């Protein structure tokens, strides 16, 4: 469900997003990137909590120009449920550091470049990574 809501929302946002949307995406990614870089060298519960918050903000910013408050609200609820699996993943396998940093940067860059097909493919791969790893 998260994959469906997020890819649909990103596609619509790429089509309809204005400079305000671009600003939200760039700002959210900047905060997320900063905390992820710190997580490369530091390990603390505070950083994990802040990363979780900034990760959610980034993914919400990506779909924030989709044009539907209901879509945004449903995504928030599904994202929070999905987050539980991510926390388990972090405890089991640790933070996917450079891999996840590169994925977020690529998604941001592709979305802002309005490369819809590549952005959707990268986002899909990013979300599907957790499902693939949980089967290992």
N, C-alpha and C. Protein backbone atom coordinates (compact mmCIF):
# COMPACT_ATOMS: atom_id res chain seq x y z
N UNK A 1 0.82 -1.19 0.00
CA UNK A 1 0.00 0.00 0.00
C UNK A 1 0.87 1.26 0.00
N UNK A 2 1.97 1.21 0.77
CA UNK A 2 2.85 2.37 0.79
C UNK A 2 3.41 2.63 -0.61
N UNK A 3 3.83 1.57 -1.27
CA UNK A 3 4.38 1.70 -2.61
C UNK A 3 3.37 2.34 -3.56
N UNK A 4 2.14 1.90 -3.52
CA UNK A 4 1.10 2.44 -4.38
C UNK A 4 0.85 3.92 -4.09
N UNK A 5 0.65 4.25 -2.82
CA UNK A 5 0.36 5.63 -2.45
C UNK A 5 1.53 6.57 -2.76
N UNK A 6 2.73 6.10 -2.47
CA UNK A 6 3.88 6.99 -2.62
C UNK A 6 4.27 7.19 -4.09
N UNK A 7 4.23 6.12 -4.88
CA UNK A 7 4.58 6.30 -6.29
C UNK A 7 3.52 7.11 -7.01
N UNK A 8 2.25 6.86 -6.71
CA UNK A 8 1.19 7.66 -7.33
C UNK A 8 1.32 9.13 -6.92
N UNK A 9 1.55 9.35 -5.63
CA UNK A 9 1.70 10.72 -5.14
C UNK A 9 2.90 11.43 -5.72
N UNK A 10 4.02 10.72 -5.86
CA UNK A 10 5.21 11.34 -6.45
C UNK A 10 4.98 11.67 -7.92
N UNK A 11 4.38 10.75 -8.64
CA UNK A 11 4.09 11.02 -10.05
C UNK A 11 3.23 12.25 -10.24
N UNK A 12 2.19 12.37 -9.44
CA UNK A 12 1.30 13.54 -9.51
C UNK A 12 2.04 14.81 -9.08
N UNK A 13 2.89 14.68 -8.08
CA UNK A 13 3.64 15.85 -7.60
C UNK A 13 4.65 16.33 -8.63
N UNK A 14 5.30 15.41 -9.30
CA UNK A 14 6.24 15.79 -10.36
C UNK A 14 5.49 16.54 -11.46
N UNK A 15 4.30 16.07 -11.79
CA UNK A 15 3.50 16.72 -12.83
C UNK A 15 2.99 18.09 -12.40
N UNK A 16 2.57 18.22 -11.16
CA UNK A 16 1.89 19.44 -10.72
C UNK A 16 2.71 20.34 -9.81
N UNK A 17 3.82 19.84 -9.30
CA UNK A 17 4.59 20.59 -8.31
C UNK A 17 5.13 21.91 -8.85
N UNK A 18 5.12 22.90 -7.98
CA UNK A 18 5.65 24.21 -8.33
C UNK A 18 6.94 24.47 -7.55
N UNK A 19 7.39 25.68 -7.54
CA UNK A 19 8.63 26.02 -6.84
C UNK A 19 8.50 25.79 -5.32
N UNK A 20 7.30 25.94 -4.79
CA UNK A 20 7.08 25.68 -3.36
C UNK A 20 7.30 24.20 -3.06
N UNK A 21 6.79 23.33 -3.93
CA UNK A 21 7.01 21.89 -3.78
C UNK A 21 8.49 21.58 -3.86
N UNK A 22 9.17 22.15 -4.84
CA UNK A 22 10.61 21.92 -4.98
C UNK A 22 11.34 22.33 -3.72
N UNK A 23 10.95 23.46 -3.14
CA UNK A 23 11.57 23.94 -1.91
C UNK A 23 11.34 22.98 -0.74
N UNK A 24 10.13 22.45 -0.63
CA UNK A 24 9.84 21.49 0.44
C UNK A 24 10.69 20.23 0.28
N UNK A 25 10.79 19.73 -0.95
CA UNK A 25 11.58 18.52 -1.20
C UNK A 25 13.05 18.79 -0.89
N UNK A 26 13.59 19.89 -1.39
CA UNK A 26 15.01 20.21 -1.17
C UNK A 26 15.31 20.41 0.31
N UNK A 27 14.44 21.11 1.02
CA UNK A 27 14.66 21.36 2.45
C UNK A 27 14.57 20.07 3.26
N UNK A 28 13.58 19.25 2.96
CA UNK A 28 13.44 17.98 3.68
C UNK A 28 14.63 17.07 3.41
N UNK A 29 15.10 17.05 2.18
CA UNK A 29 16.26 16.21 1.86
C UNK A 29 17.52 16.74 2.56
N UNK A 30 17.67 18.04 2.63
CA UNK A 30 18.84 18.63 3.30
C UNK A 30 18.91 18.17 4.76
N UNK A 31 17.78 18.24 5.48
CA UNK A 31 17.75 17.81 6.87
C UNK A 31 18.05 16.31 6.98
N UNK A 32 17.44 15.52 6.11
CA UNK A 32 17.64 14.07 6.14
C UNK A 32 19.10 13.72 5.85
N UNK A 33 19.66 14.35 4.85
CA UNK A 33 21.04 14.08 4.48
C UNK A 33 22.01 14.42 5.62
N UNK A 34 21.75 15.52 6.29
CA UNK A 34 22.62 15.94 7.40
C UNK A 34 22.61 14.90 8.52
N UNK A 35 21.43 14.39 8.86
CA UNK A 35 21.35 13.41 9.95
C UNK A 35 21.94 12.08 9.51
N UNK A 36 21.75 11.71 8.24
CA UNK A 36 22.32 10.45 7.75
C UNK A 36 23.84 10.48 7.77
N UNK A 37 24.43 11.62 7.45
CA UNK A 37 25.89 11.74 7.50
C UNK A 37 26.40 11.58 8.94
N UNK A 38 25.66 12.12 9.88
CA UNK A 38 26.05 11.96 11.29
C UNK A 38 25.95 10.50 11.71
N UNK A 39 24.96 9.79 11.17
CA UNK A 39 24.76 8.39 11.54
C UNK A 39 25.88 7.49 11.03
N UNK A 40 26.66 7.98 10.07
CA UNK A 40 27.81 7.22 9.60
C UNK A 40 28.88 7.08 10.68
N UNK A 41 28.97 8.08 11.57
CA UNK A 41 30.03 8.08 12.57
C UNK A 41 29.51 8.01 14.01
N UNK A 42 28.23 8.27 14.20
CA UNK A 42 27.66 8.27 15.54
C UNK A 42 26.51 7.26 15.60
N UNK A 43 26.32 6.68 16.77
CA UNK A 43 25.22 5.74 16.97
C UNK A 43 24.52 6.11 18.26
N UNK A 44 23.32 6.66 18.13
CA UNK A 44 22.57 7.00 19.33
C UNK A 44 21.07 6.91 19.05
N UNK A 45 20.33 6.69 20.10
CA UNK A 45 18.87 6.61 19.97
C UNK A 45 18.32 7.93 19.48
N UNK A 46 18.88 9.04 19.95
CA UNK A 46 18.42 10.37 19.53
C UNK A 46 18.54 10.55 18.02
N UNK A 47 19.68 10.13 17.47
CA UNK A 47 19.86 10.24 16.01
C UNK A 47 18.87 9.36 15.26
N UNK A 48 18.62 8.17 15.76
CA UNK A 48 17.66 7.27 15.10
C UNK A 48 16.26 7.87 15.12
N UNK A 49 15.88 8.45 16.24
CA UNK A 49 14.56 9.09 16.34
C UNK A 49 14.47 10.27 15.38
N UNK A 50 15.50 11.09 15.35
CA UNK A 50 15.49 12.25 14.45
C UNK A 50 15.51 11.80 13.00
N UNK A 51 16.30 10.75 12.68
CA UNK A 51 16.34 10.22 11.31
C UNK A 51 14.94 9.75 10.90
N UNK A 52 14.26 9.06 11.79
CA UNK A 52 12.92 8.57 11.49
C UNK A 52 11.98 9.73 11.16
N UNK A 53 12.06 10.80 11.93
CA UNK A 53 11.24 11.99 11.70
C UNK A 53 11.59 12.64 10.36
N UNK A 54 12.88 12.82 10.08
CA UNK A 54 13.30 13.48 8.85
C UNK A 54 13.02 12.62 7.61
N UNK A 55 13.14 11.30 7.78
CA UNK A 55 12.82 10.40 6.67
C UNK A 55 11.34 10.52 6.31
N UNK A 56 10.49 10.55 7.31
CA UNK A 56 9.05 10.71 7.07
C UNK A 56 8.78 12.06 6.39
N UNK A 57 9.40 13.13 6.89
CA UNK A 57 9.21 14.46 6.30
C UNK A 57 9.63 14.47 4.83
N UNK A 58 10.74 13.81 4.52
CA UNK A 58 11.21 13.77 3.13
C UNK A 58 10.20 13.05 2.23
N UNK A 59 9.75 11.89 2.67
CA UNK A 59 8.81 11.14 1.84
C UNK A 59 7.46 11.85 1.73
N UNK A 60 7.06 12.56 2.76
CA UNK A 60 5.83 13.36 2.69
C UNK A 60 6.02 14.55 1.74
N UNK A 61 7.19 15.17 1.79
CA UNK A 61 7.45 16.30 0.89
C UNK A 61 7.40 15.87 -0.57
N UNK A 62 7.91 14.67 -0.84
CA UNK A 62 7.91 14.18 -2.23
C UNK A 62 6.51 14.13 -2.82
N UNK A 63 5.52 13.79 -2.00
CA UNK A 63 4.16 13.63 -2.52
C UNK A 63 3.27 14.82 -2.18
N UNK A 64 3.84 15.87 -1.62
CA UNK A 64 3.04 16.99 -1.09
C UNK A 64 2.32 17.82 -2.14
N UNK A 65 2.62 17.63 -3.41
CA UNK A 65 1.91 18.37 -4.47
C UNK A 65 0.96 17.46 -5.23
N UNK A 66 0.58 16.34 -4.62
CA UNK A 66 -0.30 15.38 -5.30
C UNK A 66 -1.73 15.89 -5.46
N UNK A 67 -2.09 16.90 -4.67
CA UNK A 67 -3.41 17.51 -4.82
C UNK A 67 -4.52 16.90 -4.00
N UNK A 68 -4.20 16.02 -3.07
CA UNK A 68 -5.24 15.36 -2.28
C UNK A 68 -4.84 15.26 -0.82
N UNK A 69 -5.60 15.92 0.04
CA UNK A 69 -5.36 15.82 1.48
C UNK A 69 -5.60 14.39 1.96
N UNK A 70 -6.59 13.71 1.39
CA UNK A 70 -6.87 12.34 1.76
C UNK A 70 -5.69 11.43 1.41
N UNK A 71 -5.12 11.62 0.24
CA UNK A 71 -3.95 10.85 -0.19
C UNK A 71 -2.81 11.05 0.80
N UNK A 72 -2.57 12.30 1.16
CA UNK A 72 -1.50 12.62 2.11
C UNK A 72 -1.76 11.97 3.47
N UNK A 73 -2.98 12.05 3.94
CA UNK A 73 -3.34 11.48 5.24
C UNK A 73 -3.19 9.96 5.23
N UNK A 74 -3.66 9.31 4.16
CA UNK A 74 -3.53 7.86 4.05
C UNK A 74 -2.06 7.45 4.00
N UNK A 75 -1.26 8.22 3.27
CA UNK A 75 0.17 7.91 3.18
C UNK A 75 0.82 8.01 4.56
N UNK A 76 0.49 9.05 5.30
CA UNK A 76 1.06 9.22 6.65
C UNK A 76 0.75 8.01 7.52
N UNK A 77 -0.49 7.55 7.49
CA UNK A 77 -0.88 6.40 8.31
C UNK A 77 -0.14 5.14 7.88
N UNK A 78 -0.09 4.89 6.59
CA UNK A 78 0.60 3.69 6.08
C UNK A 78 2.10 3.79 6.34
N UNK A 79 2.66 4.98 6.14
CA UNK A 79 4.09 5.18 6.37
C UNK A 79 4.44 4.87 7.82
N UNK A 80 3.61 5.32 8.75
CA UNK A 80 3.87 5.07 10.17
C UNK A 80 3.81 3.58 10.48
N UNK A 81 2.91 2.86 9.85
CA UNK A 81 2.86 1.41 10.05
C UNK A 81 4.10 0.75 9.45
N UNK A 82 4.49 1.19 8.26
CA UNK A 82 5.68 0.66 7.60
C UNK A 82 6.93 0.94 8.45
N UNK A 83 6.94 2.10 9.10
CA UNK A 83 8.07 2.51 9.93
C UNK A 83 8.40 1.47 10.99
N UNK A 84 7.40 0.78 11.50
CA UNK A 84 7.64 -0.27 12.50
C UNK A 84 8.58 -1.33 11.96
N UNK A 85 8.39 -1.69 10.69
CA UNK A 85 9.26 -2.69 10.07
C UNK A 85 10.67 -2.14 9.86
N UNK A 86 10.76 -0.86 9.56
CA UNK A 86 12.06 -0.24 9.37
C UNK A 86 12.84 -0.24 10.68
N UNK A 87 12.18 0.03 11.78
CA UNK A 87 12.85 0.02 13.09
C UNK A 87 13.38 -1.38 13.39
N UNK A 88 12.59 -2.40 13.10
CA UNK A 88 13.05 -3.78 13.28
C UNK A 88 14.25 -4.04 12.38
N UNK A 89 14.18 -3.56 11.14
CA UNK A 89 15.27 -3.72 10.18
C UNK A 89 16.55 -3.06 10.70
N UNK A 90 16.42 -1.86 11.26
CA UNK A 90 17.59 -1.16 11.80
C UNK A 90 18.21 -1.95 12.95
N UNK A 91 17.37 -2.53 13.79
CA UNK A 91 17.88 -3.30 14.92
C UNK A 91 18.54 -4.60 14.46
N UNK A 92 17.98 -5.21 13.41
CA UNK A 92 18.48 -6.50 12.93
C UNK A 92 19.72 -6.35 12.05
N UNK A 93 19.64 -5.45 11.08
CA UNK A 93 20.71 -5.32 10.08
C UNK A 93 21.52 -4.04 10.19
N UNK A 94 21.09 -3.11 11.02
CA UNK A 94 21.79 -1.84 11.13
C UNK A 94 21.37 -0.86 10.03
N UNK A 95 21.86 0.35 10.13
CA UNK A 95 21.56 1.41 9.17
C UNK A 95 22.29 1.13 7.87
N UNK A 96 21.58 1.16 6.75
CA UNK A 96 22.17 0.87 5.44
C UNK A 96 22.95 2.08 4.92
N UNK A 97 23.51 2.81 5.78
CA UNK A 97 24.32 4.01 5.59
C UNK A 97 24.44 4.53 4.17
N UNK A 98 25.56 4.25 3.51
CA UNK A 98 25.82 4.87 2.21
C UNK A 98 24.78 4.49 1.17
N UNK A 99 24.28 3.28 1.25
CA UNK A 99 23.26 2.83 0.30
C UNK A 99 22.00 3.70 0.40
N UNK A 100 21.52 3.91 1.62
CA UNK A 100 20.30 4.67 1.79
C UNK A 100 20.53 6.16 1.51
N UNK A 101 21.70 6.66 1.84
CA UNK A 101 22.03 8.06 1.55
C UNK A 101 22.00 8.28 0.04
N UNK A 102 22.60 7.37 -0.72
CA UNK A 102 22.59 7.47 -2.19
C UNK A 102 21.18 7.38 -2.75
N UNK A 103 20.37 6.48 -2.19
CA UNK A 103 18.99 6.33 -2.67
C UNK A 103 18.20 7.62 -2.46
N UNK A 104 18.29 8.19 -1.27
CA UNK A 104 17.55 9.42 -0.99
C UNK A 104 18.03 10.56 -1.89
N UNK A 105 19.33 10.68 -2.07
CA UNK A 105 19.87 11.74 -2.94
C UNK A 105 19.37 11.56 -4.37
N UNK A 106 19.40 10.33 -4.86
CA UNK A 106 18.95 10.07 -6.23
C UNK A 106 17.46 10.37 -6.40
N UNK A 107 16.66 9.94 -5.43
CA UNK A 107 15.22 10.21 -5.51
C UNK A 107 14.97 11.71 -5.54
N UNK A 108 15.64 12.44 -4.67
CA UNK A 108 15.50 13.91 -4.62
C UNK A 108 15.91 14.54 -5.95
N UNK A 109 17.08 14.18 -6.42
CA UNK A 109 17.60 14.78 -7.67
C UNK A 109 16.69 14.47 -8.85
N UNK A 110 16.24 13.24 -8.96
CA UNK A 110 15.38 12.85 -10.08
C UNK A 110 14.02 13.54 -10.01
N UNK A 111 13.47 13.65 -8.80
CA UNK A 111 12.18 14.33 -8.64
C UNK A 111 12.29 15.80 -9.03
N UNK A 112 13.33 16.46 -8.54
CA UNK A 112 13.50 17.88 -8.85
C UNK A 112 13.85 18.12 -10.31
N UNK A 113 14.46 17.15 -10.96
CA UNK A 113 14.75 17.25 -12.39
C UNK A 113 13.52 16.90 -13.23
N UNK A 114 12.45 16.49 -12.55
CA UNK A 114 11.19 16.09 -13.20
C UNK A 114 11.37 14.89 -14.12
N UNK A 115 12.32 14.02 -13.76
CA UNK A 115 12.53 12.77 -14.50
C UNK A 115 11.61 11.73 -13.85
N UNK A 116 10.36 11.77 -14.23
CA UNK A 116 9.31 11.01 -13.57
C UNK A 116 9.57 9.49 -13.59
N UNK A 117 9.87 8.94 -14.74
CA UNK A 117 10.06 7.49 -14.83
C UNK A 117 11.23 7.03 -13.97
N UNK A 118 12.35 7.73 -14.04
CA UNK A 118 13.52 7.34 -13.25
C UNK A 118 13.26 7.55 -11.76
N UNK A 119 12.59 8.63 -11.38
CA UNK A 119 12.27 8.89 -9.98
C UNK A 119 11.36 7.81 -9.42
N UNK A 120 10.36 7.41 -10.18
CA UNK A 120 9.44 6.37 -9.72
C UNK A 120 10.14 5.03 -9.61
N UNK A 121 11.03 4.73 -10.55
CA UNK A 121 11.79 3.47 -10.49
C UNK A 121 12.70 3.45 -9.27
N UNK A 122 13.38 4.56 -9.00
CA UNK A 122 14.29 4.63 -7.85
C UNK A 122 13.50 4.55 -6.53
N UNK A 123 12.37 5.23 -6.47
CA UNK A 123 11.54 5.18 -5.26
C UNK A 123 11.02 3.76 -5.04
N UNK A 124 10.59 3.11 -6.09
CA UNK A 124 10.10 1.73 -5.98
C UNK A 124 11.20 0.82 -5.45
N UNK A 125 12.38 0.93 -6.01
CA UNK A 125 13.51 0.12 -5.55
C UNK A 125 13.82 0.40 -4.08
N UNK A 126 13.77 1.67 -3.70
CA UNK A 126 14.04 2.09 -2.32
C UNK A 126 13.05 1.44 -1.34
N UNK A 127 11.79 1.47 -1.66
CA UNK A 127 10.77 0.91 -0.79
C UNK A 127 10.85 -0.62 -0.78
N UNK A 128 11.07 -1.20 -1.95
CA UNK A 128 11.13 -2.67 -2.06
C UNK A 128 12.35 -3.27 -1.36
N UNK A 129 13.39 -2.49 -1.14
CA UNK A 129 14.60 -2.99 -0.48
C UNK A 129 14.27 -3.62 0.86
N UNK A 130 13.38 -3.01 1.63
CA UNK A 130 13.04 -3.54 2.95
C UNK A 130 12.34 -4.89 2.83
N UNK A 131 11.49 -5.05 1.83
CA UNK A 131 10.81 -6.33 1.65
C UNK A 131 11.81 -7.42 1.26
N UNK A 132 12.72 -7.09 0.38
CA UNK A 132 13.73 -8.06 -0.05
C UNK A 132 14.62 -8.47 1.11
N UNK A 133 15.05 -7.50 1.91
CA UNK A 133 15.96 -7.80 3.03
C UNK A 133 15.26 -8.58 4.12
N UNK A 134 13.95 -8.36 4.30
CA UNK A 134 13.26 -9.10 5.37
C UNK A 134 13.10 -10.57 5.02
N UNK A 135 13.22 -10.93 3.74
CA UNK A 135 13.14 -12.33 3.33
C UNK A 135 14.46 -13.06 3.53
N UNK A 136 15.56 -12.31 3.66
CA UNK A 136 16.89 -12.91 3.84
C UNK A 136 17.08 -13.50 5.21
